[in-house]
C-alpha cells in the first residue's frame, strides 16, 4: 500500500463516521398517523423549509453518501 491509498482509507473512514453521526442527528420524519397529517401541513405552510436544520442535515447526508460511494469505487479499483 502506498501513501495515497493510506490517505484515501483514512478519508474513507472519516466519511463513514461522519455519515453515521449525521444520520443519528436527524429527527424522525413522522410519528404515526398524527405525524403524517401534521407533517403535510408543515410542508405546505412552511416558508423556510429548505433552511431548517433537518434540510441541511439531509443535504450533508446526500453529499457524504455520494463521497462514500465514489471513494469505495476508487479504492476497489486501486486495490484490484
Protein backbone atom coordinates (compact mmCIF):
# COMPACT_ATOMS: atom_id res chain seq x y z
CA UNK A 1 0.00 0.00 0.00
CA UNK A 2 1.37 3.35 -0.94
CA UNK A 3 0.80 6.69 0.80
CA UNK A 4 -2.11 7.67 -1.47
CA UNK A 5 -4.05 4.53 -0.62
CA UNK A 6 -3.48 5.02 3.10
CA UNK A 7 -4.68 8.64 2.92
CA UNK A 8 -7.72 7.56 0.90
CA UNK A 9 -8.52 4.89 3.52
CA UNK A 10 -8.35 7.49 6.30
CA UNK A 11 -10.69 9.81 4.37
CA UNK A 12 -12.98 6.82 3.74
CA UNK A 13 -13.20 6.05 7.47
CA UNK A 14 -13.82 9.72 8.34
CA UNK A 15 -16.64 9.97 5.80
CA UNK A 16 -18.19 6.75 7.12
CA UNK A 17 -18.10 8.03 10.70
CA UNK A 18 -19.45 11.44 9.71
CA UNK A 19 -22.30 9.80 7.80
CA UNK A 20 -23.22 7.79 10.90
CA UNK A 21 -23.23 10.92 13.05
CA UNK A 22 -25.24 12.95 10.52
CA UNK A 23 -27.90 10.26 10.22
CA UNK A 24 -28.17 9.94 14.00
CA UNK A 25 -28.61 13.72 14.37
CA UNK A 26 -31.61 13.78 12.04
CA UNK A 27 -35.06 13.72 13.58
CA UNK A 28 -37.69 11.15 12.70
CA UNK A 29 -39.83 12.03 9.69
CA UNK A 30 -43.18 11.10 11.23
CA UNK A 31 -44.70 9.65 14.33
CA UNK A 32 -47.67 7.61 13.22
CA UNK A 33 -50.85 9.00 11.67
CA UNK A 34 -50.74 12.32 13.53
CA UNK A 35 -47.20 12.92 12.28
CA UNK A 36 -48.33 12.30 8.72
CA UNK A 37 -51.12 14.86 8.92
CA UNK A 38 -49.05 17.46 10.78
CA UNK A 39 -46.07 16.86 8.51
CA UNK A 40 -48.13 17.53 5.41
CA UNK A 41 -49.46 20.78 6.83
CA UNK A 42 -45.98 21.81 7.90
CA UNK A 43 -44.64 21.17 4.41
CA UNK A 44 -47.48 23.09 2.80
CA UNK A 45 -47.38 26.09 5.10
CA UNK A 46 -43.65 26.16 5.93
CA UNK A 47 -41.89 29.04 4.19
CA UNK A 48 -38.28 28.29 5.06
CA UNK A 49 -38.38 24.52 4.85
CA UNK A 50 -35.13 24.38 2.88
CA UNK A 51 -33.24 26.33 5.54
CA UNK A 52 -34.05 24.18 8.55
CA UNK A 53 -31.50 22.05 10.33
CA UNK A 54 -33.16 18.88 9.04
CA UNK A 55 -32.86 20.10 5.45
CA UNK A 56 -29.19 20.93 5.95
CA UNK A 57 -28.52 17.54 7.53
CA UNK A 58 -30.30 15.87 4.62
CA UNK A 59 -28.07 17.70 2.15
CA UNK A 60 -24.96 16.72 4.14
CA UNK A 61 -26.13 13.10 4.19
CA UNK A 62 -26.51 13.12 0.42
CA UNK A 63 -23.05 14.61 -0.05
CA UNK A 64 -21.46 12.12 2.37
CA UNK A 65 -23.20 9.16 0.71
CA UNK A 66 -22.02 10.20 -2.76
CA UNK A 67 -18.46 10.71 -1.49
CA UNK A 68 -18.60 7.32 0.26
CA UNK A 69 -19.67 5.55 -2.94
CA UNK A 70 -17.07 7.32 -5.09
CA UNK A 71 -14.24 6.54 -2.68
CA UNK A 72 -15.44 2.93 -2.42
CA UNK A 73 -15.17 2.52 -6.19
CA UNK A 74 -11.77 4.22 -6.30
CA UNK A 75 -10.42 2.03 -3.51
CA UNK A 76 -11.75 -1.07 -5.25
CA UNK A 77 -10.01 -0.09 -8.47
CA UNK A 78 -6.75 0.73 -6.68
CA UNK A 79 -6.64 -2.49 -4.68
CA UNK A 80 -7.73 -4.75 -7.52
